[in-house]
C-alpha atoms as a PDB file:
ATOM      1  CA  UNK A   1       2.974  24.919  96.715  1.00  0.00           C
ATOM      2  CA  UNK A   2       5.408  25.520  94.035  1.00  0.00           C
ATOM      3  CA  UNK A   3       7.362  28.854  94.090  1.00  0.00           C
ATOM      4  CA  UNK A   4      10.205  30.240  91.705  1.00  0.00           C
ATOM      5  CA  UNK A   5      12.811  32.485  93.412  1.00  0.00           C
ATOM      6  CA  UNK A   6      14.700  34.227  90.525  1.00  0.00           C
ATOM      7  CA  UNK A   7      17.381  36.904  89.736  1.00  0.00           C
ATOM      8  CA  UNK A   8      18.544  38.654  86.868  1.00  0.00           C
ATOM      9  CA  UNK A   9      21.515  40.548  85.911  1.00  0.00           C
ATOM     10  CA  UNK A  10      21.339  43.047  83.067  1.00  0.00           C
ATOM     11  CA  UNK A  11      23.173  45.688  80.942  1.00  0.00           C
ATOM     12  CA  UNK A  12      21.654  48.412  82.678  1.00  0.00           C
ATOM     13  CA  UNK A  13      18.543  49.578  84.723  1.00  0.00           C
ATOM     14  CA  UNK A  14      15.915  50.548  82.201  1.00  0.00           C
ATOM     15  CA  UNK A  15      14.920  47.969  79.163  1.00  0.00           C
ATOM     16  CA  UNK A  16      12.962  50.694  77.728  1.00  0.00           C
ATOM     17  CA  UNK A  17      16.245  52.522  76.855  1.00  0.00           C
ATOM     18  CA  UNK A  18      17.950  49.692  75.264  1.00  0.00           C
ATOM     19  CA  UNK A  19      19.269  47.777  78.523  1.00  0.00           C
ATOM     20  CA  UNK A  20      18.853  44.016  78.053  1.00  0.00           C
ATOM     21  CA  UNK A  21      18.601  40.828  80.249  1.00  0.00           C
ATOM     22  CA  UNK A  22      22.154  38.528  80.120  1.00  0.00           C
ATOM     23  CA  UNK A  23      21.531  36.220  82.859  1.00  0.00           C
ATOM     24  CA  UNK A  24      18.765  34.764  84.938  1.00  0.00           C
ATOM     25  CA  UNK A  25      18.860  32.047  87.969  1.00  0.00           C
ATOM     26  CA  UNK A  26      15.756  30.395  89.034  1.00  0.00           C
ATOM     27  CA  UNK A  27      15.426  28.318  92.387  1.00  0.00           C
ATOM     28  CA  UNK A  28      12.204  25.844  92.869  1.00  0.00           C
ATOM     29  CA  UNK A  29      10.740  25.677  96.124  1.00  0.00           C
ATOM     30  CA  UNK A  30       8.251  23.525  97.107  1.00  0.00           C
ATOM     31  CA  UNK A  31       6.217  24.264 100.583  1.00  0.00           C
ATOM     32  CA  UNK A  32       9.022  26.571 101.252  1.00  0.00           C
ATOM     33  CA  UNK A  33      11.579  24.190 100.722  1.00  0.00           C
ATOM     34  CA  UNK A  34      14.318  24.222  97.852  1.00  0.00           C
ATOM     35  CA  UNK A  35      13.400  20.966  95.728  1.00  0.00           C
ATOM     36  CA  UNK A  36      17.143  20.725  93.967  1.00  0.00           C
ATOM     37  CA  UNK A  37      15.709  21.817  90.771  1.00  0.00           C
ATOM     38  CA  UNK A  38      17.218  25.301  89.215  1.00  0.00           C
ATOM     39  CA  UNK A  39      17.555  27.027  85.799  1.00  0.00           C
ATOM     40  CA  UNK A  40      20.050  29.219  84.783  1.00  0.00           C
ATOM     41  CA  UNK A  41      21.300  30.820  81.479  1.00  0.00           C
ATOM     42  CA  UNK A  42      23.305  33.509  79.851  1.00  0.00           C
ATOM     43  CA  UNK A  43      21.986  35.330  77.092  1.00  0.00           C
ATOM     44  CA  UNK A  44      23.672  37.479  74.423  1.00  0.00           C
ATOM     45  CA  UNK A  45      22.644  40.908  74.636  1.00  0.00           C
ATOM     46  CA  UNK A  46      22.954  42.230  71.199  1.00  0.00           C
ATOM     47  CA  UNK A  47      24.561  45.564  72.318  1.00  0.00           C
ATOM     48  CA  UNK A  48      27.686  46.116  74.237  1.00  0.00           C
ATOM     49  CA  UNK A  49      28.417  45.911  78.052  1.00  0.00           C
ATOM     50  CA  UNK A  50      28.497  49.301  80.192  1.00  0.00           C
ATOM     51  CA  UNK A  51      31.556  49.361  82.416  1.00  0.00           C
ATOM     52  CA  UNK A  52      29.080  50.098  84.992  1.00  0.00           C
ATOM     53  CA  UNK A  53      27.505  46.983  84.619  1.00  0.00           C
ATOM     54  CA  UNK A  54      30.431  44.880  83.918  1.00  0.00           C
ATOM     55  CA  UNK A  55      32.019  46.231  87.559  1.00  0.00           C
ATOM     56  CA  UNK A  56      28.718  44.812  89.095  1.00  0.00           C
ATOM     57  CA  UNK A  57      28.554  41.134  87.664  1.00  0.00           C
ATOM     58  CA  UNK A  58      31.660  40.803  85.289  1.00  0.00           C
ATOM     59  CA  UNK A  59      29.978  39.629  82.424  1.00  0.00           C
ATOM     60  CA  UNK A  60      31.575  40.738  79.427  1.00  0.00           C
ATOM     61  CA  UNK A  61      30.275  41.373  75.781  1.00  0.00           C
ATOM     62  CA  UNK A  62      33.016  38.786  74.867  1.00  0.00           C
ATOM     63  CA  UNK A  63      31.920  36.339  77.280  1.00  0.00           C
ATOM     64  CA  UNK A  64      28.463  36.546  76.292  1.00  0.00           C
ATOM     65  CA  UNK A  65      28.567  36.398  72.472  1.00  0.00           C
ATOM     66  CA  UNK A  66      29.009  32.373  72.557  1.00  0.00           C
ATOM     67  CA  UNK A  67      25.598  32.377  73.906  1.00  0.00           C
ATOM     68  CA  UNK A  68      21.890  32.409  72.349  1.00  0.00           C
ATOM     69  CA  UNK A  69      20.006  35.624  72.243  1.00  0.00           C
ATOM     70  CA  UNK A  70      16.854  35.103  74.785  1.00  0.00           C
ATOM     71  CA  UNK A  71      14.485  34.551  72.222  1.00  0.00           C
ATOM     72  CA  UNK A  72      15.935  31.012  71.764  1.00  0.00           C
ATOM     73  CA  UNK A  73      15.945  29.873  75.158  1.00  0.00           C
ATOM     74  CA  UNK A  74      12.525  32.037  76.200  1.00  0.00           C
ATOM     75  CA  UNK A  75      10.377  28.622  75.662  1.00  0.00           C
ATOM     76  CA  UNK A  76      12.860  26.690  77.866  1.00  0.00           C
ATOM     77  CA  UNK A  77      12.347  29.456  80.784  1.00  0.00           C
ATOM     78  CA  UNK A  78       8.874  29.653  80.598  1.00  0.00           C
ATOM     79  CA  UNK A  79       8.783  25.620  80.909  1.00  0.00           C
ATOM     80  CA  UNK A  80      10.431  25.981  84.561  1.00  0.00           C
ATOM     81  CA  UNK A  81       8.289  28.795  85.519  1.00  0.00           C
ATOM     82  CA  UNK A  82       4.945  27.274  84.523  1.00  0.00           C
ATOM     83  CA  UNK A  83       2.370  29.578  86.311  1.00  0.00           C
ATOM     84  CA  UNK A  84       3.946  29.344  89.762  1.00  0.00           C
ATOM     85  CA  UNK A  85       4.399  32.485  92.179  1.00  0.00           C
ATOM     86  CA  UNK A  86       7.932  34.214  91.197  1.00  0.00           C
ATOM     87  CA  UNK A  87       9.860  35.813  94.025  1.00  0.00           C
ATOM     88  CA  UNK A  88      12.589  38.504  93.352  1.00  0.00           C
ATOM     89  CA  UNK A  89      14.162  41.126  95.466  1.00  0.00           C
ATOM     90  CA  UNK A  90      13.205  44.304  94.386  1.00  0.00           C
ATOM     91  CA  UNK A  91      11.095  42.402  92.184  1.00  0.00           C
ATOM     92  CA  UNK A  92       9.565  45.313  89.613  1.00  0.00           C
ATOM     93  CA  UNK A  93      12.951  45.730  88.370  1.00  0.00           C
ATOM     94  CA  UNK A  94      13.477  41.710  87.493  1.00  0.00           C
ATOM     95  CA  UNK A  95       9.750  41.617  86.160  1.00  0.00           C
ATOM     96  CA  UNK A  96      10.380  44.701  83.822  1.00  0.00           C
ATOM     97  CA  UNK A  97      13.350  42.975  81.898  1.00  0.00           C
ATOM     98  CA  UNK A  98      11.747  39.773  81.944  1.00  0.00           C
ATOM     99  CA  UNK A  99       8.588  40.945  80.357  1.00  0.00           C
ATOM    100  CA  UNK A 100      10.390  43.367  78.084  1.00  0.00           C
ATOM    101  CA  UNK A 101      12.517  40.424  76.875  1.00  0.00           C
ATOM    102  CA  UNK A 102       9.233  38.533  76.560  1.00  0.00           C
ATOM    103  CA  UNK A 103       7.413  41.148  74.571  1.00  0.00           C
ATOM    104  CA  UNK A 104      10.428  41.359  72.165  1.00  0.00           C
ATOM    105  CA  UNK A 105      10.218  37.954  70.996  1.00  0.00           C
ATOM    106  CA  UNK A 106       6.425  37.537  70.858  1.00  0.00           C
ATOM    107  CA  UNK A 107       5.523  35.897  74.447  1.00  0.00           C
ATOM    108  CA  UNK A 108       3.054  36.590  76.411  1.00  0.00           C
ATOM    109  CA  UNK A 109       4.197  38.869  79.437  1.00  0.00           C
ATOM    110  CA  UNK A 110       3.703  37.469  83.141  1.00  0.00           C
ATOM    111  CA  UNK A 111       1.273  38.903  85.053  1.00  0.00           C
ATOM    112  CA  UNK A 112       2.433  40.935  87.825  1.00  0.00           C
ATOM    113  CA  UNK A 113      -0.005  39.155  90.105  1.00  0.00           C
ATOM    114  CA  UNK A 114       2.487  36.487  90.274  1.00  0.00           C
ATOM    115  CA  UNK A 115       5.097  38.703  91.939  1.00  0.00           C
ATOM    116  CA  UNK A 116       6.166  38.316  95.429  1.00  0.00           C
ATOM    117  CA  UNK A 117       8.455  41.264  96.412  1.00  0.00           C
ATOM    118  CA  UNK A 118      10.981  40.582  99.369  1.00  0.00           C
ATOM    119  CA  UNK A 119      11.786  44.046  99.626  1.00  0.00           C
ATOM    120  CA  UNK A 120       8.400  44.574 100.123  1.00  0.00           C
ATOM    121  CA  UNK A 121       8.122  41.804 102.923  1.00  0.00           C
ATOM    122  CA  UNK A 122      11.600  42.933 104.812  1.00  0.00           C
ATOM    123  CA  UNK A 123      10.328  46.711 104.566  1.00  0.00           C
ATOM    124  CA  UNK A 124       7.017  45.441 106.620  1.00  0.00           C
ATOM    125  CA  UNK A 125       9.077  43.484 108.895  1.00  0.00           C
ATOM    126  CA  UNK A 126      12.211  45.642 109.449  1.00  0.00           C
ATOM    127  CA  UNK A 127      10.977  49.380 109.072  1.00  0.00           C
ATOM    128  CA  UNK A 128      13.710  51.484 108.878  1.00  0.00           C
ATOM    129  CA  UNK A 129      16.434  49.202 108.049  1.00  0.00           C
ATOM    130  CA  UNK A 130      18.550  48.149 105.473  1.00  0.00           C
ATOM    131  CA  UNK A 131      16.876  46.237 102.988  1.00  0.00           C
ATOM    132  CA  UNK A 132      19.774  45.206 100.514  1.00  0.00           C
ATOM    133  CA  UNK A 133      20.267  41.650 100.102  1.00  0.00           C
ATOM    134  CA  UNK A 134      23.499  41.997 101.662  1.00  0.00           C
ATOM    135  CA  UNK A 135      22.199  43.743 104.544  1.00  0.00           C
ATOM    136  CA  UNK A 136      19.390  41.110 104.742  1.00  0.00           C
ATOM    137  CA  UNK A 137      21.618  38.076 104.775  1.00  0.00           C
ATOM    138  CA  UNK A 138      23.686  39.515 107.360  1.00  0.00           C
ATOM    139  CA  UNK A 139      20.466  40.393 109.797  1.00  0.00           C
ATOM    140  CA  UNK A 140      19.288  36.663 109.179  1.00  0.00           C
ATOM    141  CA  UNK A 141      22.946  35.331 109.402  1.00  0.00           C
ATOM    142  CA  UNK A 142      22.902  33.875 106.107  1.00  0.00           C
ATOM    143  CA  UNK A 143      26.610  33.056 104.658  1.00  0.00           C
ATOM    144  CA  UNK A 144      27.120  35.395 101.780  1.00  0.00           C
ATOM    145  CA  UNK A 145      31.045  35.205 101.760  1.00  0.00           C
ATOM    146  CA  UNK A 146      31.514  33.289  98.467  1.00  0.00           C
ATOM    147  CA  UNK A 147      29.667  36.353  96.702  1.00  0.00           C
ATOM    148  CA  UNK A 148      32.579  38.473  95.003  1.00  0.00           C
ATOM    149  CA  UNK A 149      30.205  39.686  92.622  1.00  0.00           C
ATOM    150  CA  UNK A 150      26.534  39.672  91.416  1.00  0.00           C
ATOM    151  CA  UNK A 151      25.180  36.502  89.825  1.00  0.00           C
ATOM    152  CA  UNK A 152      21.865  35.545  88.995  1.00  0.00           C
ATOM    153  CA  UNK A 153      21.965  31.820  90.333  1.00  0.00           C
ATOM    154  CA  UNK A 154      24.057  32.574  93.144  1.00  0.00           C
ATOM    155  CA  UNK A 155      21.877  35.389  94.244  1.00  0.00           C
ATOM    156  CA  UNK A 156      18.656  33.516  93.844  1.00  0.00           C
ATOM    157  CA  UNK A 157      20.335  30.744  96.072  1.00  0.00           C
ATOM    158  CA  UNK A 158      21.006  33.642  98.813  1.00  0.00           C
ATOM    159  CA  UNK A 159      17.493  34.927  98.323  1.00  0.00           C
ATOM    160  CA  UNK A 160      15.621  31.715  98.732  1.00  0.00           C
ATOM    161  CA  UNK A 161      17.126  31.386 101.651  1.00  0.00           C
ATOM    162  CA  UNK A 162      16.344  34.680 103.102  1.00  0.00           C
ATOM    163  CA  UNK A 163      12.619  34.260 101.504  1.00  0.00           C
ATOM    164  CA  UNK A 164      12.329  31.435 104.079  1.00  0.00           C
ATOM    165  CA  UNK A 165      13.529  33.552 106.662  1.00  0.00           C
ATOM    166  CA  UNK A 166      11.276  36.240 106.110  1.00  0.00           C
ATOM    167  CA  UNK A 167       8.373  33.947 105.958  1.00  0.00           C
ATOM    168  CA  UNK A 168       8.784  32.092 109.095  1.00  0.00           C
ATOM    169  CA  UNK A 169      11.990  30.364 108.949  1.00  0.00           C
ATOM    170  CA  UNK A 170      12.400  26.443 108.656  1.00  0.00           C
ATOM    171  CA  UNK A 171       9.443  25.662 110.548  1.00  0.00           C
ATOM    172  CA  UNK A 172       7.127  26.234 107.873  1.00  0.00           C
ATOM    173  CA  UNK A 173       5.246  22.944 106.782  1.00  0.00           C
ATOM    174  CA  UNK A 174       6.027  21.210 110.142  1.00  0.00           C
ATOM    175  CA  UNK A 175       2.440  20.492 111.196  1.00  0.00           C
ATOM    176  CA  UNK A 176       3.087  22.864 114.234  1.00  0.00           C
ATOM    177  CA  UNK A 177      -0.347  24.474 113.296  1.00  0.00           C
ATOM    178  CA  UNK A 178      -2.140  21.230 114.622  1.00  0.00           C
ATOM    179  CA  UNK A 179      -0.623  21.543 118.231  1.00  0.00           C
ATOM    180  CA  UNK A 180      -3.555  23.167 120.297  1.00  0.00           C
ATOM    181  CA  UNK A 181      -0.877  24.897 122.701  1.00  0.00           C
ATOM    182  CA  UNK A 182       0.494  27.220 120.689  1.00  0.00           C
ATOM    183  CA  UNK A 183      -0.521  30.336 119.359  1.00  0.00           C
ATOM    184  CA  UNK A 184      -1.216  30.508 115.733  1.00  0.00           C
ATOM    185  CA  UNK A 185      -0.836  33.598 113.023  1.00  0.00           C
ATOM    186  CA  UNK A 186      -1.602  33.414 109.328  1.00  0.00           C
ATOM    187  CA  UNK A 187       0.706  35.232 106.964  1.00  0.00           C
ATOM    188  CA  UNK A 188      -0.907  36.332 103.929  1.00  0.00           C
ATOM    189  CA  UNK A 189       1.704  36.862 100.737  1.00  0.00           C
ATOM    190  CA  UNK A 190       0.197  37.590  97.345  1.00  0.00           C
ATOM    191  CA  UNK A 191      -2.110  34.794  96.920  1.00  0.00           C
ATOM    192  CA  UNK A 192      -0.586  32.126  99.286  1.00  0.00           C
ATOM    193  CA  UNK A 193      -0.858  31.514 102.800  1.00  0.00           C
ATOM    194  CA  UNK A 194       1.215  29.997 105.593  1.00  0.00           C
ATOM    195  CA  UNK A 195       0.194  28.903 108.819  1.00  0.00           C
ATOM    196  CA  UNK A 196       3.161  28.994 111.707  1.00  0.00           C
ATOM    197  CA  UNK A 197       3.293  29.268 115.388  1.00  0.00           C
ATOM    198  CA  UNK A 198       4.134  32.667 116.839  1.00  0.00           C
ATOM    199  CA  UNK A 199       7.743  32.855 117.983  1.00  0.00           C
ATOM    200  CA  UNK A 200       9.520  35.560 120.053  1.00  0.00           C
ATOM    201  CA  UNK A 201      11.530  38.080 118.359  1.00  0.00           C
ATOM    202  CA  UNK A 202      14.948  37.360 117.540  1.00  0.00           C
ATOM    203  CA  UNK A 203      18.133  38.845 119.281  1.00  0.00           C
ATOM    204  CA  UNK A 204      20.614  40.486 117.226  1.00  0.00           C
ATOM    205  CA  UNK A 205      23.946  41.537 118.665  1.00  0.00           C
ATOM    206  CA  UNK A 206      25.504  44.304 117.940  1.00  0.00           C
ATOM    207  CA  UNK A 207      29.078  43.916 115.848  1.00  0.00           C
ATOM    208  CA  UNK A 208      32.466  44.931 116.834  1.00  0.00           C
ATOM    209  CA  UNK A 209      31.930  47.828 114.556  1.00  0.00           C
ATOM    210  CA  UNK A 210      28.762  48.898 115.868  1.00  0.00           C
ATOM    211  CA  UNK A 211      30.082  48.959 119.186  1.00  0.00           C
ATOM    212  CA  UNK A 212      33.088  50.756 118.330  1.00  0.00           C
ATOM    213  CA  UNK A 213      30.879  53.555 117.013  1.00  0.00           C
ATOM    214  CA  UNK A 214      28.628  53.413 119.891  1.00  0.00           C
ATOM    215  CA  UNK A 215      31.549  53.873 122.307  1.00  0.00           C
ATOM    216  CA  UNK A 216      32.987  56.818 120.004  1.00  0.00           C
ATOM    217  CA  UNK A 217      29.574  58.518 120.111  1.00  0.00           C
ATOM    218  CA  UNK A 218      29.267  58.274 123.820  1.00  0.00           C
ATOM    219  CA  UNK A 219      32.482  59.858 124.287  1.00  0.00           C
ATOM    220  CA  UNK A 220      31.348  62.981 122.381  1.00  0.00           C
ATOM    221  CA  UNK A 221      28.597  63.569 125.185  1.00  0.00           C
ATOM    222  CA  UNK A 222      29.075  66.386 127.385  1.00  0.00           C
ATOM    223  CA  UNK A 223      27.863  66.030 131.119  1.00  0.00           C
ATOM    224  CA  UNK A 224      25.860  62.841 130.528  1.00  0.00           C
ATOM    225  CA  UNK A 225      23.057  62.011 133.245  1.00  0.00           C
ATOM    226  CA  UNK A 226      24.573  58.940 134.315  1.00  0.00           C
ATOM    227  CA  UNK A 227      27.847  60.373 135.534  1.00  0.00           C
ATOM    228  CA  UNK A 228      26.312  63.443 137.150  1.00  0.00           C
ATOM    229  CA  UNK A 229      26.719  62.859 141.047  1.00  0.00           C
ATOM    230  CA  UNK A 230      29.386  60.237 140.582  1.00  0.00           C
END
């Protein structure tokens, strides 16, 4: 099974108002394992770079001026994507910009049926928790210490690790489904399915900051039940 993890950087939030895609990074997974194949490209946005966007990804208009416009690299990108499912974090945002750029240069849009959104998966697994890429990397112990600013390929690499964890961790594809003494569940994601063993819930220890906040909160309680009669 081939899947593509991808991330984009843009000049803003809304392609309909003139914002453009300026960077894309893609990671190829085969049976939920990175194959080593990647695709990465910068694009000239044909417009200025708002400071708010620059502060997020650090890509200036001067830096991007030496790169081709999206239309000149669209064929190479599409050749890498093929017809594989596309995984992104808050995927409608990335799909919106990708399809806007494809439409501008006369290419067919990517079908939304190919979309797998890791935010939607995380909301199902962890309702009420924070679902940003940073928060989920922390939850699953994925090292992001080298992530100073957003970068499409770097974020795609982090997302690939997160996606593997969200869909069963490193045990996927090891043939565990053939062991008759293990309980088996089937997880349906888009048009693909993964067979994996039921595993006990993970234990996530509270951080030092969380323990400090808890102690501060407990100190504000008046006459707590556990101290009455002491």
